[in-house]
Amino acid sequence: MEHALIVMVMSGVEDGSLLKFRPDKTGELHEEQWSLNIGRRDENDVCLRNDTFVSRQHARLHWRDERWWLEDCDSTNGTFLENMDDFFLDRRVKGIVPLDEGQLFRVGRTWLRIQPNE
């Protein structure tokens, strides 16, 4: 698997930060599936320790079937996708949902975006 991941932090203390990941160095890799954990604990691949609305183990990103998927891990404050139709009403993630590159998603109070691969 050659697919790398770049996540841009779009809000909060780390606004504008680019987080770069490779399957041979970060996360869990099983056959053609790659998973990354998002949460407040230092052990998470995407660690958002400055956002007190983020659970210790909040959400997970999955690469499978040639696309990204987003899963909420029963977090206290939920995981949300940007709603393009109504800016004030974000869509709560239930189960595992497809995530497009460039699409904004929120974990706690932190907005994130998967950057398109160059």
N, C-alpha and C. Protein backbone atom coordinates (compact mmCIF):
# COMPACT_ATOMS: atom_id res chain seq x y z
N MET A 1 0.85 -1.17 0.00
CA MET A 1 0.00 0.00 0.00
C MET A 1 0.90 1.24 0.00
N GLU A 2 0.68 2.13 -0.95
CA GLU A 2 1.51 3.31 -1.11
C GLU A 2 0.81 4.59 -0.67
N HIS A 3 -0.46 4.48 -0.29
CA HIS A 3 -1.28 5.65 -0.02
C HIS A 3 -0.88 6.34 1.29
N ALA A 4 -0.43 7.58 1.21
CA ALA A 4 -0.12 8.35 2.41
C ALA A 4 -1.33 9.22 2.75
N LEU A 5 -1.31 9.75 3.96
CA LEU A 5 -2.41 10.59 4.42
C LEU A 5 -1.85 11.89 4.98
N ILE A 6 -2.48 13.00 4.57
CA ILE A 6 -2.17 14.30 5.15
C ILE A 6 -3.48 14.86 5.68
N VAL A 7 -3.48 15.16 6.99
CA VAL A 7 -4.65 15.74 7.64
C VAL A 7 -4.29 17.18 8.01
N MET A 8 -5.15 18.12 7.64
CA MET A 8 -4.94 19.52 8.03
C MET A 8 -5.89 19.85 9.17
N VAL A 9 -5.33 20.45 10.22
CA VAL A 9 -6.14 20.93 11.34
C VAL A 9 -6.68 22.28 10.92
N MET A 10 -8.01 22.42 10.95
CA MET A 10 -8.67 23.61 10.41
C MET A 10 -9.14 24.58 11.49
N SER A 11 -8.97 24.22 12.77
CA SER A 11 -9.41 25.11 13.85
C SER A 11 -8.65 24.76 15.13
N GLY A 12 -8.81 25.60 16.13
CA GLY A 12 -8.20 25.33 17.43
C GLY A 12 -6.76 25.78 17.52
N VAL A 13 -6.10 25.32 18.57
CA VAL A 13 -4.73 25.72 18.88
C VAL A 13 -3.77 25.37 17.74
N GLU A 14 -4.01 24.25 17.08
CA GLU A 14 -3.11 23.77 16.04
C GLU A 14 -3.59 24.12 14.63
N ASP A 15 -4.46 25.12 14.51
CA ASP A 15 -5.01 25.55 13.22
C ASP A 15 -3.91 25.71 12.18
N GLY A 16 -4.11 25.09 11.03
CA GLY A 16 -3.15 25.20 9.93
C GLY A 16 -2.07 24.13 9.94
N SER A 17 -1.99 23.33 10.99
CA SER A 17 -0.98 22.28 11.06
C SER A 17 -1.30 21.18 10.06
N LEU A 18 -0.26 20.65 9.44
CA LEU A 18 -0.39 19.50 8.55
C LEU A 18 0.19 18.29 9.26
N LEU A 19 -0.60 17.23 9.38
CA LEU A 19 -0.18 16.00 10.02
C LEU A 19 -0.02 14.96 8.93
N LYS A 20 1.19 14.40 8.79
CA LYS A 20 1.48 13.47 7.71
C LYS A 20 1.66 12.06 8.25
N PHE A 21 1.04 11.09 7.57
CA PHE A 21 1.07 9.70 8.00
C PHE A 21 1.36 8.79 6.82
N ARG A 22 2.07 7.70 7.12
CA ARG A 22 2.32 6.65 6.13
C ARG A 22 1.95 5.31 6.74
N PRO A 23 1.37 4.41 5.96
CA PRO A 23 0.92 3.13 6.52
C PRO A 23 2.03 2.27 7.07
N ASP A 24 3.26 2.45 6.59
CA ASP A 24 4.37 1.64 7.10
C ASP A 24 4.94 2.20 8.40
N LYS A 25 4.45 3.37 8.84
CA LYS A 25 4.99 4.00 10.04
C LYS A 25 3.95 4.29 11.12
N THR A 26 2.68 4.44 10.74
CA THR A 26 1.65 4.90 11.67
C THR A 26 0.38 4.08 11.51
N GLY A 27 -0.33 3.91 12.62
CA GLY A 27 -1.64 3.26 12.57
C GLY A 27 -1.53 1.75 12.50
N GLU A 28 -2.65 1.14 12.13
CA GLU A 28 -2.74 -0.31 12.02
C GLU A 28 -2.96 -0.68 10.56
N LEU A 29 -2.13 -1.58 10.05
CA LEU A 29 -2.23 -2.00 8.66
C LEU A 29 -2.48 -3.50 8.61
N HIS A 30 -3.60 -3.88 7.99
CA HIS A 30 -3.97 -5.29 7.81
C HIS A 30 -4.37 -5.48 6.36
N GLU A 31 -3.56 -6.22 5.62
CA GLU A 31 -3.77 -6.43 4.19
C GLU A 31 -3.89 -5.08 3.51
N GLU A 32 -5.01 -4.78 2.87
CA GLU A 32 -5.19 -3.49 2.18
C GLU A 32 -6.00 -2.50 3.01
N GLN A 33 -6.13 -2.73 4.30
CA GLN A 33 -6.89 -1.82 5.16
C GLN A 33 -5.94 -1.16 6.16
N TRP A 34 -6.07 0.14 6.29
CA TRP A 34 -5.21 0.94 7.17
C TRP A 34 -6.12 1.76 8.06
N SER A 35 -5.87 1.76 9.37
CA SER A 35 -6.69 2.52 10.32
C SER A 35 -5.81 3.43 11.16
N LEU A 36 -6.33 4.61 11.45
CA LEU A 36 -5.67 5.58 12.32
C LEU A 36 -6.65 6.02 13.39
N ASN A 37 -6.18 6.10 14.62
CA ASN A 37 -7.01 6.51 15.75
C ASN A 37 -6.89 8.00 15.99
N ILE A 38 -8.01 8.62 16.37
CA ILE A 38 -8.07 10.04 16.69
C ILE A 38 -8.59 10.17 18.12
N GLY A 39 -7.90 10.96 18.94
CA GLY A 39 -8.36 11.15 20.31
C GLY A 39 -7.42 12.04 21.10
N ARG A 40 -7.71 12.17 22.39
CA ARG A 40 -6.95 13.04 23.27
C ARG A 40 -5.71 12.36 23.85
N ARG A 41 -5.71 11.03 23.92
CA ARG A 41 -4.55 10.30 24.47
C ARG A 41 -3.34 10.43 23.56
N ASP A 42 -2.16 10.48 24.17
CA ASP A 42 -0.92 10.58 23.41
C ASP A 42 -0.72 9.40 22.47
N GLU A 43 -1.27 8.24 22.80
CA GLU A 43 -1.09 7.04 21.98
C GLU A 43 -1.83 7.09 20.65
N ASN A 44 -2.76 8.03 20.48
CA ASN A 44 -3.51 8.13 19.24
C ASN A 44 -2.61 8.62 18.12
N ASP A 45 -2.93 8.18 16.90
CA ASP A 45 -2.17 8.63 15.74
C ASP A 45 -2.39 10.12 15.50
N VAL A 46 -3.64 10.56 15.59
CA VAL A 46 -3.98 11.99 15.54
C VAL A 46 -4.36 12.37 16.96
N CYS A 47 -3.42 13.03 17.65
CA CYS A 47 -3.62 13.38 19.06
C CYS A 47 -4.06 14.83 19.17
N LEU A 48 -5.26 15.03 19.73
CA LEU A 48 -5.82 16.37 19.90
C LEU A 48 -5.93 16.67 21.40
N ARG A 49 -4.79 16.70 22.07
CA ARG A 49 -4.76 16.82 23.54
C ARG A 49 -5.26 18.16 24.05
N ASN A 50 -5.29 19.20 23.20
CA ASN A 50 -5.71 20.54 23.64
C ASN A 50 -7.21 20.77 23.55
N ASP A 51 -7.95 19.81 23.00
CA ASP A 51 -9.40 19.96 22.86
C ASP A 51 -10.07 19.09 23.92
N THR A 52 -10.60 19.72 24.96
CA THR A 52 -11.20 18.97 26.07
C THR A 52 -12.53 18.33 25.70
N PHE A 53 -13.06 18.63 24.51
CA PHE A 53 -14.29 18.00 24.04
C PHE A 53 -14.01 16.71 23.25
N VAL A 54 -12.75 16.39 23.08
CA VAL A 54 -12.34 15.16 22.39
C VAL A 54 -12.19 14.06 23.44
N SER A 55 -12.78 12.90 23.17
CA SER A 55 -12.64 11.75 24.06
C SER A 55 -11.24 11.17 23.94
N ARG A 56 -10.86 10.37 24.93
CA ARG A 56 -9.53 9.74 24.89
C ARG A 56 -9.35 8.91 23.62
N GLN A 57 -10.35 8.14 23.25
CA GLN A 57 -10.39 7.39 21.99
C GLN A 57 -11.68 7.83 21.29
N HIS A 58 -11.60 8.79 20.41
CA HIS A 58 -12.77 9.48 19.89
C HIS A 58 -13.30 8.90 18.57
N ALA A 59 -12.41 8.79 17.59
CA ALA A 59 -12.84 8.40 16.24
C ALA A 59 -11.71 7.62 15.57
N ARG A 60 -12.03 7.09 14.39
CA ARG A 60 -11.04 6.33 13.63
C ARG A 60 -11.24 6.60 12.15
N LEU A 61 -10.11 6.76 11.45
CA LEU A 61 -10.10 6.86 9.99
C LEU A 61 -9.69 5.51 9.43
N HIS A 62 -10.37 5.07 8.37
CA HIS A 62 -10.06 3.80 7.72
C HIS A 62 -9.80 4.04 6.24
N TRP A 63 -8.76 3.41 5.70
CA TRP A 63 -8.53 3.39 4.26
C TRP A 63 -8.85 1.98 3.79
N ARG A 64 -9.89 1.85 3.00
CA ARG A 64 -10.23 0.56 2.42
C ARG A 64 -11.07 0.80 1.17
N ASP A 65 -11.04 -0.14 0.28
CA ASP A 65 -11.77 -0.03 -0.99
C ASP A 65 -11.44 1.27 -1.72
N GLU A 66 -10.16 1.65 -1.64
CA GLU A 66 -9.66 2.83 -2.37
C GLU A 66 -10.28 4.15 -1.95
N ARG A 67 -10.73 4.25 -0.68
CA ARG A 67 -11.27 5.52 -0.19
C ARG A 67 -11.17 5.58 1.33
N TRP A 68 -11.39 6.77 1.88
CA TRP A 68 -11.37 6.98 3.33
C TRP A 68 -12.76 6.82 3.91
N TRP A 69 -12.80 6.31 5.14
CA TRP A 69 -14.03 6.13 5.90
C TRP A 69 -13.80 6.71 7.28
N LEU A 70 -14.85 7.25 7.90
CA LEU A 70 -14.77 7.86 9.22
C LEU A 70 -15.72 7.14 10.16
N GLU A 71 -15.22 6.82 11.34
CA GLU A 71 -16.01 6.10 12.34
C GLU A 71 -15.92 6.82 13.68
N ASP A 72 -17.06 7.02 14.33
CA ASP A 72 -17.08 7.53 15.69
C ASP A 72 -16.96 6.33 16.63
N CYS A 73 -16.12 6.44 17.65
CA CYS A 73 -15.87 5.33 18.57
C CYS A 73 -16.64 5.54 19.88
N ASP A 74 -17.95 5.76 19.76
CA ASP A 74 -18.81 5.99 20.93
C ASP A 74 -18.29 7.13 21.80
N SER A 75 -17.85 8.20 21.15
CA SER A 75 -17.33 9.36 21.87
C SER A 75 -18.45 10.07 22.61
N THR A 76 -18.08 10.82 23.63
CA THR A 76 -19.05 11.57 24.42
C THR A 76 -19.70 12.69 23.61
N ASN A 77 -18.91 13.45 22.86
CA ASN A 77 -19.41 14.62 22.16
C ASN A 77 -19.65 14.43 20.67
N GLY A 78 -19.43 13.23 20.16
CA GLY A 78 -19.74 12.91 18.78
C GLY A 78 -18.70 13.36 17.77
N THR A 79 -18.87 12.82 16.57
CA THR A 79 -18.05 13.15 15.41
C THR A 79 -19.02 13.61 14.34
N PHE A 80 -18.66 14.67 13.60
CA PHE A 80 -19.60 15.29 12.67
C PHE A 80 -18.95 15.56 11.32
N LEU A 81 -19.77 15.51 10.28
CA LEU A 81 -19.36 15.91 8.93
C LEU A 81 -19.95 17.27 8.63
N GLU A 82 -19.23 18.07 7.88
CA GLU A 82 -19.74 19.36 7.44
C GLU A 82 -20.98 19.13 6.58
N ASN A 83 -22.01 19.90 6.83
CA ASN A 83 -23.23 19.84 6.05
C ASN A 83 -23.20 20.99 5.04
N MET A 84 -23.02 20.65 3.79
CA MET A 84 -22.90 21.68 2.75
C MET A 84 -24.22 22.43 2.52
N ASP A 85 -25.35 21.81 2.89
CA ASP A 85 -26.65 22.44 2.67
C ASP A 85 -27.04 23.42 3.76
N ASP A 86 -26.58 23.17 4.99
CA ASP A 86 -26.95 24.02 6.12
C ASP A 86 -25.73 24.13 7.05
N PHE A 87 -25.05 25.28 6.97
CA PHE A 87 -23.82 25.50 7.72
C PHE A 87 -23.99 25.29 9.22
N PHE A 88 -25.19 25.53 9.74
CA PHE A 88 -25.42 25.46 11.19
C PHE A 88 -25.87 24.08 11.66
N LEU A 89 -25.98 23.13 10.75
CA LEU A 89 -26.46 21.81 11.13
C LEU A 89 -25.52 20.73 10.57
N ASP A 90 -24.48 20.41 11.33
CA ASP A 90 -23.53 19.39 10.91
C ASP A 90 -24.17 18.01 11.05
N ARG A 91 -23.74 17.07 10.22
CA ARG A 91 -24.29 15.70 10.24
C ARG A 91 -23.48 14.83 11.19
N ARG A 92 -24.14 14.24 12.17
CA ARG A 92 -23.48 13.37 13.13
C ARG A 92 -23.13 12.04 12.46
N VAL A 93 -21.92 11.55 12.73
CA VAL A 93 -21.47 10.28 12.18
C VAL A 93 -22.04 9.15 13.03
N LYS A 94 -22.73 8.24 12.36
CA LYS A 94 -23.25 7.03 13.01
C LYS A 94 -22.70 5.85 12.23
N GLY A 95 -22.03 4.95 12.91
CA GLY A 95 -21.39 3.83 12.22
C GLY A 95 -20.15 4.30 11.50
N ILE A 96 -19.91 3.74 10.32
CA ILE A 96 -18.76 4.10 9.50
C ILE A 96 -19.30 4.73 8.22
N VAL A 97 -18.85 5.95 7.94
CA VAL A 97 -19.36 6.68 6.77
C VAL A 97 -18.22 7.04 5.82
N PRO A 98 -18.50 7.13 4.51
CA PRO A 98 -17.46 7.52 3.56
C PRO A 98 -17.05 8.98 3.78
N LEU A 99 -15.78 9.24 3.54
CA LEU A 99 -15.22 10.58 3.72
C LEU A 99 -14.41 10.93 2.48
N ASP A 100 -14.74 12.03 1.85
CA ASP A 100 -14.03 12.47 0.66
C ASP A 100 -12.84 13.34 1.03
N GLU A 101 -11.80 13.29 0.21
CA GLU A 101 -10.68 14.20 0.41
C GLU A 101 -11.21 15.62 0.32
N GLY A 102 -10.74 16.48 1.20
CA GLY A 102 -11.18 17.87 1.21
C GLY A 102 -12.43 18.13 2.03
N GLN A 103 -13.15 17.08 2.40
CA GLN A 103 -14.38 17.23 3.19
C GLN A 103 -14.02 17.51 4.65
N LEU A 104 -14.65 18.50 5.24
CA LEU A 104 -14.40 18.84 6.64
C LEU A 104 -15.15 17.89 7.57
N PHE A 105 -14.48 17.53 8.67
CA PHE A 105 -15.14 16.76 9.72
C PHE A 105 -14.68 17.28 11.07
N ARG A 106 -15.55 17.13 12.07
CA ARG A 106 -15.27 17.70 13.40
C ARG A 106 -15.20 16.60 14.43
N VAL A 107 -14.15 16.67 15.23
CA VAL A 107 -13.93 15.78 16.37
C VAL A 107 -13.83 16.70 17.58
N GLY A 108 -14.75 16.56 18.54
CA GLY A 108 -14.82 17.53 19.63
C GLY A 108 -15.15 18.89 19.05
N ARG A 109 -14.29 19.88 19.32
CA ARG A 109 -14.48 21.21 18.72
C ARG A 109 -13.46 21.49 17.62
N THR A 110 -12.71 20.48 17.23
CA THR A 110 -11.65 20.64 16.24
C THR A 110 -12.10 20.17 14.87
N TRP A 111 -12.01 21.07 13.88
CA TRP A 111 -12.30 20.73 12.50
C TRP A 111 -11.03 20.21 11.84
N LEU A 112 -11.18 19.15 11.06
CA LEU A 112 -10.07 18.53 10.34
C LEU A 112 -10.47 18.32 8.89
N ARG A 113 -9.45 18.12 8.03
CA ARG A 113 -9.71 17.85 6.62
C ARG A 113 -8.61 16.96 6.09
N ILE A 114 -9.00 15.94 5.30
CA ILE A 114 -8.02 15.13 4.60
C ILE A 114 -7.60 15.89 3.35
N GLN A 115 -6.31 16.14 3.24
CA GLN A 115 -5.78 16.87 2.10
C GLN A 115 -5.68 15.93 0.89
N PRO A 116 -5.98 16.43 -0.30
CA PRO A 116 -5.81 15.61 -1.50
C PRO A 116 -4.34 15.21 -1.67
N ASN A 117 -4.11 13.98 -2.13
CA ASN A 117 -2.74 13.52 -2.39
C ASN A 117 -2.20 14.20 -3.62
N GLU A 118 -0.94 14.55 -3.54
CA GLU A 118 -0.31 15.26 -4.67
C GLU A 118 0.37 14.28 -5.59
